[in-house]
Amino acid sequence: MSDAVGTDRDDALRTRMMRYTVAAMFFVGFAGKGVRGIFGDIGSLVPMLILLVSFVVLFWTSGRSLSLRRFPTTTCLFVAWCALSCVWSVAPLQSAQYAVLSVALTLVSIAVAVALPLTELVGALILAFQWIIGSSFVLEALVAFFGHGPLAPPIMWGERAAACLLLLGRRLASRRRADSGISWE
């Protein structure tokens, strides 16, 4: 009896973890520009790869599998046609890279569709959009309360980040001195 309860608990935990992992994948997919803006093009690969590995591990440990009958014919034909376009492409190497990326994304998309029932999939999508809206409000509030002008993404800070922060500190200090009426000169 306790083994059945433990198994049910493990299945419920895996299902919940799968839902949150898929929601995080949707979040990164729909808010990818913001993720790349914060972490940079290379730095954003880390959370994406962590999510992908988590999804693959959860997919295989939950006993789900991708059989050929689950692959939608039209989608597979479209991706195959796009991959075949490498033959007559002006830049075949770059086209091959994008073809591999398209095939990989299609496999992950089909696996996501297999991993969760439609109601759970819609729930994960709603959860991801709630996270996107919430994180947008938090970022806007931080910029409104602590920022004094437009917020450039960290990737644009580059080598001049320290100089910009120093200039910002001086500007804030001079503003405080002007407000207090104290002259330092």
Protein backbone atom coordinates (compact mmCIF):
# COMPACT_ATOMS: atom_id res chain seq x y z
CA MET A 1 0.00 0.00 0.00
CA SER A 2 2.76 2.46 0.86
CA ASP A 3 4.53 1.75 -2.46
CA ALA A 4 1.39 2.75 -4.36
CA VAL A 5 1.08 5.96 -2.35
CA GLY A 6 4.76 6.73 -2.90
CA THR A 7 4.42 6.09 -6.62
CA ASP A 8 1.35 8.31 -6.85
CA ARG A 9 3.19 11.05 -4.97
CA ASP A 10 6.20 10.73 -7.29
CA ASP A 11 3.96 10.89 -10.37
CA ALA A 12 2.19 13.98 -9.03
CA LEU A 13 5.55 15.61 -8.30
CA ARG A 14 6.87 14.77 -11.78
CA THR A 15 3.69 16.14 -13.37
CA ARG A 16 3.99 19.38 -11.40
CA MET A 17 7.69 19.68 -12.21
CA MET A 18 6.93 19.03 -15.89
CA ARG A 19 4.27 21.75 -15.87
CA TYR A 20 6.63 24.31 -14.32
CA THR A 21 9.50 23.31 -16.62
CA VAL A 22 7.28 23.68 -19.70
CA ALA A 23 6.00 27.02 -18.34
CA ALA A 24 9.62 28.18 -17.92
CA MET A 25 10.36 27.04 -21.48
CA PHE A 26 7.37 29.06 -22.71
CA PHE A 27 8.61 32.01 -20.64
CA VAL A 28 12.05 31.87 -22.26
CA GLY A 29 10.45 31.34 -25.66
CA PHE A 30 8.07 34.28 -25.48
CA ALA A 31 10.30 36.60 -23.41
CA GLY A 32 13.50 35.48 -25.10
CA LYS A 33 14.50 38.97 -26.18
CA GLY A 34 14.40 40.13 -22.56
CA VAL A 35 16.37 37.08 -21.40
CA ARG A 36 19.00 37.72 -24.09
CA GLY A 37 19.01 41.41 -23.16
CA ILE A 38 19.75 40.62 -19.53
CA PHE A 39 22.19 37.72 -19.93
CA GLY A 40 23.56 38.38 -23.44
CA ASP A 41 23.44 36.02 -26.39
CA ILE A 42 25.94 33.55 -24.94
CA GLY A 43 24.86 33.96 -21.32
CA SER A 44 21.23 33.26 -22.19
CA LEU A 45 22.23 29.80 -23.42
CA VAL A 46 22.84 28.71 -19.82
CA PRO A 47 19.22 29.00 -18.59
CA MET A 48 17.97 27.63 -21.91
CA LEU A 49 20.22 24.57 -21.70
CA ILE A 50 19.30 24.02 -18.05
CA LEU A 51 15.61 24.06 -19.01
CA LEU A 52 16.20 21.74 -21.96
CA VAL A 53 18.14 19.21 -19.89
CA SER A 54 15.53 19.39 -17.11
CA PHE A 55 12.77 18.79 -19.62
CA VAL A 56 14.54 15.84 -21.25
CA VAL A 57 15.26 14.22 -17.86
CA LEU A 58 11.66 14.71 -16.71
CA PHE A 59 10.35 13.44 -20.05
CA TRP A 60 12.34 10.21 -19.91
CA THR A 61 11.85 9.55 -16.19
CA SER A 62 8.10 9.97 -16.54
CA GLY A 63 7.98 7.07 -18.99
CA ARG A 64 6.85 9.10 -21.97
CA SER A 65 8.27 8.40 -25.40
CA LEU A 66 8.25 9.84 -28.88
CA SER A 67 6.95 7.31 -31.34
CA LEU A 68 6.82 8.00 -35.05
CA ARG A 69 3.01 7.98 -35.08
CA ARG A 70 2.97 11.03 -32.79
CA PHE A 71 4.80 13.21 -35.32
CA PRO A 72 2.41 15.43 -37.31
CA THR A 73 2.88 14.75 -41.01
CA THR A 74 2.44 18.33 -42.24
CA THR A 75 4.86 19.76 -39.71
CA CYS A 76 7.48 17.11 -40.47
CA LEU A 77 7.14 17.65 -44.24
CA PHE A 78 7.54 21.41 -43.78
CA VAL A 79 10.69 21.00 -41.65
CA ALA A 80 12.07 18.45 -44.13
CA TRP A 81 11.42 20.87 -47.01
CA CYS A 82 13.19 23.65 -45.12
CA ALA A 83 16.14 21.34 -44.44
CA LEU A 84 16.22 20.29 -48.10
CA SER A 85 16.55 23.95 -49.10
CA CYS A 86 20.20 23.74 -48.03
CA VAL A 87 20.86 22.10 -51.40
CA TRP A 88 20.04 25.21 -53.46
CA SER A 89 20.86 27.82 -50.84
CA VAL A 90 23.30 30.65 -51.49
CA ALA A 91 24.82 30.04 -48.03
CA PRO A 92 24.53 26.26 -47.54
CA LEU A 93 26.51 26.13 -44.28
CA GLN A 94 24.35 28.74 -42.60
CA SER A 95 21.21 27.09 -43.99
CA ALA A 96 22.36 23.75 -42.60
CA GLN A 97 22.83 25.31 -39.16
CA TYR A 98 19.30 26.72 -39.26
CA ALA A 99 17.96 23.40 -40.54
CA VAL A 100 19.50 21.56 -37.57
CA LEU A 101 18.02 24.19 -35.25
CA SER A 102 14.59 23.80 -36.88
CA VAL A 103 14.68 20.02 -36.54
CA ALA A 104 15.74 20.26 -32.88
CA LEU A 105 13.03 22.81 -32.05
CA THR A 106 10.43 20.68 -33.81
CA LEU A 107 11.46 17.62 -31.79
CA VAL A 108 11.26 19.58 -28.54
CA SER A 109 7.88 21.04 -29.52
CA ILE A 110 6.44 17.62 -30.28
CA ALA A 111 7.88 16.28 -27.02
CA VAL A 112 6.21 19.16 -25.12
CA ALA A 113 2.91 18.34 -26.81
CA VAL A 114 3.32 14.68 -25.82
CA ALA A 115 4.48 15.47 -22.27
CA LEU A 116 1.35 17.25 -21.07
CA PRO A 117 -2.35 16.89 -21.79
CA LEU A 118 -3.95 19.87 -23.49
CA THR A 119 -5.41 21.33 -20.28
CA GLU A 120 -2.02 21.18 -18.53
CA LEU A 121 -0.33 22.64 -21.61
CA VAL A 122 -2.75 25.58 -21.64
CA GLY A 123 -2.21 25.98 -17.90
CA ALA A 124 1.57 26.12 -18.43
CA LEU A 125 1.11 28.69 -21.17
CA ILE A 126 -1.09 30.85 -18.93
CA LEU A 127 1.45 30.54 -16.13
CA ALA A 128 4.26 31.63 -18.45
CA PHE A 129 2.31 34.70 -19.57
CA GLN A 130 1.61 35.56 -15.92
CA TRP A 131 5.35 35.34 -15.22
CA ILE A 132 6.09 37.57 -18.24
CA ILE A 133 3.59 40.21 -17.15
CA GLY A 134 4.75 40.04 -13.51
CA SER A 135 8.44 40.32 -14.38
CA SER A 136 7.65 43.22 -16.70
CA PHE A 137 5.87 45.07 -13.89
CA VAL A 138 8.74 44.41 -11.48
CA LEU A 139 11.33 45.65 -14.00
CA GLU A 140 9.25 48.76 -14.77
CA ALA A 141 8.86 49.48 -11.05
CA LEU A 142 12.61 49.10 -10.46
CA VAL A 143 13.41 51.47 -13.31
CA ALA A 144 10.76 53.97 -12.17
CA PHE A 145 11.90 54.03 -8.54
CA PHE A 146 15.66 53.63 -8.87
CA GLY A 147 16.50 54.60 -12.43
CA HIS A 148 16.99 58.15 -13.63
CA GLY A 149 16.52 57.71 -17.35
CA PRO A 150 16.34 54.87 -19.80
CA LEU A 151 17.69 51.51 -18.75
CA ALA A 152 20.19 50.01 -21.15
CA PRO A 153 20.47 46.22 -21.16
CA PRO A 154 23.58 44.91 -19.34
CA ILE A 155 24.96 43.60 -22.61
CA MET A 156 25.34 47.21 -23.75
CA TRP A 157 27.27 48.22 -20.64
CA GLY A 158 30.48 46.69 -21.95
CA GLU A 159 33.84 48.14 -20.95
CA ARG A 160 32.39 51.50 -20.02
CA ALA A 161 30.15 50.13 -17.29
CA ALA A 162 32.40 51.29 -14.46
CA ALA A 163 32.77 54.74 -16.01
CA CYS A 164 29.02 55.05 -16.47
CA LEU A 165 28.36 53.94 -12.91
CA LEU A 166 30.97 56.41 -11.64
CA LEU A 167 29.38 59.20 -13.69
CA LEU A 168 25.94 58.24 -12.41
CA GLY A 169 27.24 58.30 -8.82
CA ARG A 170 28.75 61.76 -9.32
CA ARG A 171 25.55 63.02 -10.89
CA LEU A 172 23.47 61.71 -7.98
CA ALA A 173 25.92 63.19 -5.47
CA SER A 174 25.83 66.59 -7.14
CA ARG A 175 22.04 66.46 -7.21
CA ARG A 176 21.98 65.72 -3.47
CA ARG A 177 24.41 68.57 -2.77
CA ALA A 178 22.28 70.97 -4.81
CA ASP A 179 19.16 69.84 -2.91
CA SER A 180 20.83 70.27 0.50
CA GLY A 181 22.33 73.68 -0.29
CA ILE A 182 25.84 72.55 0.74
CA SER A 183 28.66 73.66 -1.48
CA TRP A 184 31.73 71.45 -1.57
CA GLU A 185 33.83 73.84 -3.57
